[in-house]
Amino acid sequence: MFRGDTGALERSDDVLDAVEAPLALARGKVLHLRFLGDRVERPGELELFERAAELYRRLGDGPGEADALFWIGCCHQVVKGDGPAGVPYFERSYALARDAGDRRTMSYAVRHLGFADKDAGRFERARERLTESVALRREIGFPAGEAAGLVALGYLAAETGDRATAFGHLDEAGRVAGSCGAKTVTEWVQEARRLIGERG
């Protein structure tokens, strides 16, 4: 201020946006995790993700925007129970992540597009997308995510009447989860086995 550096003032918005964007995203994720724990929607979650996406877009940060857009879609699909509303956000997230070479975010976006396809009865398309998500996670060395994806494929196979394939996916999911100590996913495998077994 006292040195008359007007350039610093002009740059200040970008500097502050770069601080605020990840903070808004992190706060939104905390609220989402709390929702997953008790299934109670917290006010402000969607707005935090929307703010993060806006800031990342303003900064020209494609990977950051892709991440924030994924979470906007997730909020619509998972928290609000409106899968179709989340689809355009997942699609845009996937496209931005692909352009940036961010295969981890791609794997999340395409996974949830697969869930949307499954809910709409597009089972073959859902299988393709869930399989792509698993492949992406395998490529980047994300075994816990790979195992979670195999559980999703197991449920899908069971829903379409292919119990043998379903249990095959769950067997593989259990091995992968065990190899990396993913206890939560191991519990998902056990729960999936129980539920699919009861359907039979």
Foldseek 3Di string as FASTA:
>chain_A
DVVPPVVCVVCVVLVVLVVLLVVLVVVLVVQVVVCVVPVDHDPPNLVSLVSNLVSCVVNVNLLSNLSSLLSNLCCCCPNVVNNVVSLVSLVSSLVSCVVVVNLLSVLSSLQSVLVSCVVVVVLVSSLVSLVSSLVSCVVVVNLLSNLLSLQVNLVSCLVVPNNVSSVVSLVVSCVSCVVVVVVVSNVSSVVSVVVSVVVD
